[in-house]
């Protein structure tokens, strides 16, 4: 479960970084930002509430 949480967090950060890098001169797509934040938040919640309890 620990690795799943860290994988989701890393995947979320990679999604946001990739979206930023692809659309660099312009603003990044809000859908990509939302997906990245959702993935990161799911991993963070798993880490915070399931693994630390």
PDB file of N, CA and C in Angstrom:
ATOM      1  N   UNK A   1       0.821  -1.185   0.000  1.00  0.00           N
ATOM      2  CA  UNK A   1       0.000   0.000   0.000  1.00  0.00           C
ATOM      3  C   UNK A   1       0.872   1.259   0.000  1.00  0.00           C
ATOM      4  N   UNK A   2       2.017   1.176   0.653  1.00  0.00           N
ATOM      5  CA  UNK A   2       2.936   2.314   0.691  1.00  0.00           C
ATOM      6  C   UNK A   2       3.400   2.676  -0.712  1.00  0.00           C
ATOM      7  N   UNK A   3       3.768   1.654  -1.469  1.00  0.00           N
ATOM      8  CA  UNK A   3       4.267   1.910  -2.820  1.00  0.00           C
ATOM      9  C   UNK A   3       3.166   2.423  -3.746  1.00  0.00           C
ATOM     10  N   UNK A   4       1.947   1.991  -3.533  1.00  0.00           N
ATOM     11  CA  UNK A   4       0.832   2.491  -4.342  1.00  0.00           C
ATOM     12  C   UNK A   4       0.605   3.975  -4.065  1.00  0.00           C
ATOM     13  N   UNK A   5       0.688   4.374  -2.800  1.00  0.00           N
ATOM     14  CA  UNK A   5       0.505   5.779  -2.444  1.00  0.00           C
ATOM     15  C   UNK A   5       1.620   6.632  -3.038  1.00  0.00           C
ATOM     16  N   UNK A   6       2.848   6.168  -2.918  1.00  0.00           N
ATOM     17  CA  UNK A   6       3.977   6.934  -3.458  1.00  0.00           C
ATOM     18  C   UNK A   6       3.946   6.956  -4.981  1.00  0.00           C
ATOM     19  N   UNK A   7       3.467   5.884  -5.608  1.00  0.00           N
ATOM     20  CA  UNK A   7       3.342   5.852  -7.060  1.00  0.00           C
ATOM     21  C   UNK A   7       2.309   6.871  -7.533  1.00  0.00           C
ATOM     22  N   UNK A   8       1.181   6.961  -6.842  1.00  0.00           N
ATOM     23  CA  UNK A   8       0.165   7.946  -7.203  1.00  0.00           C
ATOM     24  C   UNK A   8       0.676   9.371  -7.027  1.00  0.00           C
ATOM     25  N   UNK A   9       1.396   9.616  -5.937  1.00  0.00           N
ATOM     26  CA  UNK A   9       1.959  10.952  -5.726  1.00  0.00           C
ATOM     27  C   UNK A   9       2.962  11.296  -6.826  1.00  0.00           C
ATOM     28  N   UNK A  10       3.835  10.374  -7.144  1.00  0.00           N
ATOM     29  CA  UNK A  10       4.827  10.623  -8.184  1.00  0.00           C
ATOM     30  C   UNK A  10       4.215  10.786  -9.555  1.00  0.00           C
ATOM     31  N   UNK A  11       3.181   9.993  -9.832  1.00  0.00           N
ATOM     32  CA  UNK A  11       2.497  10.099 -11.113  1.00  0.00           C
ATOM     33  C   UNK A  11       1.780  11.444 -11.235  1.00  0.00           C
ATOM     34  N   UNK A  12       1.208  11.912 -10.144  1.00  0.00           N
ATOM     35  CA  UNK A  12       0.563  13.226 -10.156  1.00  0.00           C
ATOM     36  C   UNK A  12       1.559  14.346 -10.398  1.00  0.00           C
ATOM     37  N   UNK A  13       2.706  14.283  -9.727  1.00  0.00           N
ATOM     38  CA  UNK A  13       3.718  15.317  -9.933  1.00  0.00           C
ATOM     39  C   UNK A  13       4.297  15.253 -11.344  1.00  0.00           C
ATOM     40  N   UNK A  14       4.472  14.050 -11.870  1.00  0.00           N
ATOM     41  CA  UNK A  14       5.000  13.906 -13.227  1.00  0.00           C
ATOM     42  C   UNK A  14       4.000  14.419 -14.258  1.00  0.00           C
ATOM     43  N   UNK A  15       2.717  14.220 -14.006  1.00  0.00           N
ATOM     44  CA  UNK A  15       1.697  14.715 -14.918  1.00  0.00           C
ATOM     45  C   UNK A  15       1.694  16.241 -14.962  1.00  0.00           C
ATOM     46  N   UNK A  16       1.778  16.858 -13.806  1.00  0.00           N
ATOM     47  CA  UNK A  16       1.809  18.321 -13.761  1.00  0.00           C
ATOM     48  C   UNK A  16       3.087  18.847 -14.419  1.00  0.00           C
ATOM     49  N   UNK A  17       4.225  18.220 -14.137  1.00  0.00           N
ATOM     50  CA  UNK A  17       5.486  18.669 -14.734  1.00  0.00           C
ATOM     51  C   UNK A  17       5.487  18.463 -16.245  1.00  0.00           C
ATOM     52  N   UNK A  18       4.946  17.338 -16.698  1.00  0.00           N
ATOM     53  CA  UNK A  18       4.879  17.090 -18.134  1.00  0.00           C
ATOM     54  C   UNK A  18       3.948  18.054 -18.839  1.00  0.00           C
ATOM     55  N   UNK A  19       2.818  18.345 -18.242  1.00  0.00           N
ATOM     56  CA  UNK A  19       1.893  19.308 -18.819  1.00  0.00           C
ATOM     57  C   UNK A  19       2.481  20.697 -18.889  1.00  0.00           C
ATOM     58  N   UNK A  20       3.260  21.049 -17.882  1.00  0.00           N
ATOM     59  CA  UNK A  20       3.933  22.346 -17.892  1.00  0.00           C
ATOM     60  C   UNK A  20       5.012  22.398 -18.970  1.00  0.00           C
ATOM     61  N   UNK A  21       5.766  21.312 -19.103  1.00  0.00           N
ATOM     62  CA  UNK A  21       6.866  21.280 -20.076  1.00  0.00           C
ATOM     63  C   UNK A  21       6.350  21.274 -21.511  1.00  0.00           C
ATOM     64  N   UNK A  22       5.239  20.598 -21.756  1.00  0.00           N
ATOM     65  CA  UNK A  22       4.711  20.511 -23.118  1.00  0.00           C
ATOM     66  C   UNK A  22       4.184  21.865 -23.586  1.00  0.00           C
ATOM     67  N   UNK A  23       3.507  22.578 -22.705  1.00  0.00           N
ATOM     68  CA  UNK A  23       2.896  23.856 -23.091  1.00  0.00           C
ATOM     69  C   UNK A  23       3.670  25.030 -22.506  1.00  0.00           C
ATOM     70  N   UNK A  24       4.998  24.962 -22.543  1.00  0.00           N
ATOM     71  CA  UNK A  24       5.807  25.918 -21.773  1.00  0.00           C
ATOM     72  C   UNK A  24       5.547  27.390 -22.058  1.00  0.00           C
ATOM     73  N   UNK A  25       5.599  27.860 -23.277  1.00  0.00           N
ATOM     74  CA  UNK A  25       5.417  29.313 -23.398  1.00  0.00           C
ATOM     75  C   UNK A  25       4.013  29.770 -22.998  1.00  0.00           C
ATOM     76  N   UNK A  26       3.049  28.909 -23.172  1.00  0.00           N
ATOM     77  CA  UNK A  26       1.665  29.220 -22.814  1.00  0.00           C
ATOM     78  C   UNK A  26       1.348  28.631 -21.438  1.00  0.00           C
ATOM     79  N   UNK A  27       0.135  28.874 -20.989  1.00  0.00           N
ATOM     80  CA  UNK A  27      -0.332  28.236 -19.754  1.00  0.00           C
ATOM     81  C   UNK A  27      -0.687  26.790 -20.042  1.00  0.00           C
ATOM     82  N   UNK A  28      -0.492  25.931 -19.038  1.00  0.00           N
ATOM     83  CA  UNK A  28      -0.804  24.516 -19.252  1.00  0.00           C
ATOM     84  C   UNK A  28      -2.314  24.290 -19.232  1.00  0.00           C
ATOM     85  N   UNK A  29      -2.724  23.192 -19.812  1.00  0.00           N
ATOM     86  CA  UNK A  29      -4.128  22.830 -19.893  1.00  0.00           C
ATOM     87  C   UNK A  29      -4.668  22.568 -18.482  1.00  0.00           C
ATOM     88  N   UNK A  30      -5.819  23.120 -18.174  1.00  0.00           N
ATOM     89  CA  UNK A  30      -6.391  22.941 -16.839  1.00  0.00           C
ATOM     90  C   UNK A  30      -6.835  21.514 -16.575  1.00  0.00           C
ATOM     91  N   UNK A  31      -7.198  20.779 -17.613  1.00  0.00           N
ATOM     92  CA  UNK A  31      -7.581  19.374 -17.445  1.00  0.00           C
ATOM     93  C   UNK A  31      -6.382  18.548 -16.989  1.00  0.00           C
ATOM     94  N   UNK A  32      -5.225  18.798 -17.573  1.00  0.00           N
ATOM     95  CA  UNK A  32      -4.008  18.082 -17.180  1.00  0.00           C
ATOM     96  C   UNK A  32      -3.627  18.443 -15.748  1.00  0.00           C
ATOM     97  N   UNK A  33      -3.747  19.710 -15.408  1.00  0.00           N
ATOM     98  CA  UNK A  33      -3.468  20.141 -14.039  1.00  0.00           C
ATOM     99  C   UNK A  33      -4.416  19.463 -13.051  1.00  0.00           C
ATOM    100  N   UNK A  34      -5.692  19.401 -13.389  1.00  0.00           N
ATOM    101  CA  UNK A  34      -6.673  18.765 -12.508  1.00  0.00           C
ATOM    102  C   UNK A  34      -6.414  17.285 -12.328  1.00  0.00           C
ATOM    103  N   UNK A  35      -6.059  16.601 -13.403  1.00  0.00           N
ATOM    104  CA  UNK A  35      -5.756  15.167 -13.306  1.00  0.00           C
ATOM    105  C   UNK A  35      -4.527  14.942 -12.438  1.00  0.00           C
ATOM    106  N   UNK A  36      -3.508  15.766 -12.637  1.00  0.00           N
ATOM    107  CA  UNK A  36      -2.302  15.636 -11.824  1.00  0.00           C
ATOM    108  C   UNK A  36      -2.559  15.906 -10.355  1.00  0.00           C
ATOM    109  N   UNK A  37      -3.319  16.935 -10.076  1.00  0.00           N
ATOM    110  CA  UNK A  37      -3.652  17.235  -8.678  1.00  0.00           C
ATOM    111  C   UNK A  37      -4.521  16.155  -8.053  1.00  0.00           C
ATOM    112  N   UNK A  38      -5.424  15.592  -8.838  1.00  0.00           N
ATOM    113  CA  UNK A  38      -6.272  14.513  -8.330  1.00  0.00           C
ATOM    114  C   UNK A  38      -5.449  13.274  -7.991  1.00  0.00           C
ATOM    115  N   UNK A  39      -4.532  12.902  -8.871  1.00  0.00           N
ATOM    116  CA  UNK A  39      -3.674  11.742  -8.602  1.00  0.00           C
ATOM    117  C   UNK A  39      -2.810  11.979  -7.369  1.00  0.00           C
ATOM    118  N   UNK A  40      -2.198  13.152  -7.293  1.00  0.00           N
ATOM    119  CA  UNK A  40      -1.353  13.452  -6.142  1.00  0.00           C
ATOM    120  C   UNK A  40      -2.156  13.457  -4.847  1.00  0.00           C
ATOM    121  N   UNK A  41      -3.347  14.043  -4.887  1.00  0.00           N
ATOM    122  CA  UNK A  41      -4.176  14.115  -3.684  1.00  0.00           C
ATOM    123  C   UNK A  41      -4.622  12.732  -3.228  1.00  0.00           C
ATOM    124  N   UNK A  42      -4.960  11.864  -4.164  1.00  0.00           N
ATOM    125  CA  UNK A  42      -5.347  10.497  -3.791  1.00  0.00           C
ATOM    126  C   UNK A  42      -4.194   9.777  -3.106  1.00  0.00           C
ATOM    127  N   UNK A  43      -2.996   9.901  -3.647  1.00  0.00           N
ATOM    128  CA  UNK A  43      -1.832   9.282  -3.016  1.00  0.00           C
ATOM    129  C   UNK A  43      -1.515   9.884  -1.670  1.00  0.00           C
ATOM    130  N   UNK A  44      -1.666  11.191  -1.563  1.00  0.00           N
ATOM    131  CA  UNK A  44      -1.377  11.858  -0.302  1.00  0.00           C
ATOM    132  C   UNK A  44      -2.375  11.457   0.782  1.00  0.00           C
ATOM    133  N   UNK A  45      -3.656  11.348   0.407  1.00  0.00           N
ATOM    134  CA  UNK A  45      -4.679  10.932   1.374  1.00  0.00           C
ATOM    135  C   UNK A  45      -4.447   9.489   1.812  1.00  0.00           C
ATOM    136  N   UNK A  46      -4.071   8.629   0.861  1.00  0.00           N
ATOM    137  CA  UNK A  46      -3.747   7.249   1.232  1.00  0.00           C
ATOM    138  C   UNK A  46      -2.593   7.219   2.220  1.00  0.00           C
ATOM    139  N   UNK A  47      -1.581   8.015   1.965  1.00  0.00           N
ATOM    140  CA  UNK A  47      -0.416   8.057   2.843  1.00  0.00           C
ATOM    141  C   UNK A  47      -0.784   8.631   4.205  1.00  0.00           C
ATOM    142  N   UNK A  48      -1.593   9.655   4.210  1.00  0.00           N
ATOM    143  CA  UNK A  48      -1.895  10.357   5.454  1.00  0.00           C
ATOM    144  C   UNK A  48      -2.841   9.575   6.355  1.00  0.00           C
ATOM    145  N   UNK A  49      -3.932   9.060   5.786  1.00  0.00           N
ATOM    146  CA  UNK A  49      -4.973   8.468   6.628  1.00  0.00           C
ATOM    147  C   UNK A  49      -4.915   6.943   6.722  1.00  0.00           C
ATOM    148  N   UNK A  50      -4.481   6.268   5.668  1.00  0.00           N
ATOM    149  CA  UNK A  50      -4.484   4.808   5.710  1.00  0.00           C
ATOM    150  C   UNK A  50      -3.179   4.274   6.277  1.00  0.00           C
ATOM    151  N   UNK A  51      -2.070   4.829   5.858  1.00  0.00           N
ATOM    152  CA  UNK A  51      -0.773   4.277   6.273  1.00  0.00           C
ATOM    153  C   UNK A  51      -0.309   4.788   7.630  1.00  0.00           C
ATOM    154  N   UNK A  52      -0.729   5.955   8.036  1.00  0.00           N
ATOM    155  CA  UNK A  52      -0.269   6.521   9.305  1.00  0.00           C
ATOM    156  C   UNK A  52      -1.185   6.194  10.487  1.00  0.00           C
ATOM    157  N   UNK A  53      -2.278   5.489  10.232  1.00  0.00           N
ATOM    158  CA  UNK A  53      -3.211   5.201  11.335  1.00  0.00           C
ATOM    159  C   UNK A  53      -2.800   4.009  12.157  1.00  0.00           C
TER     160      UNK A  53
END
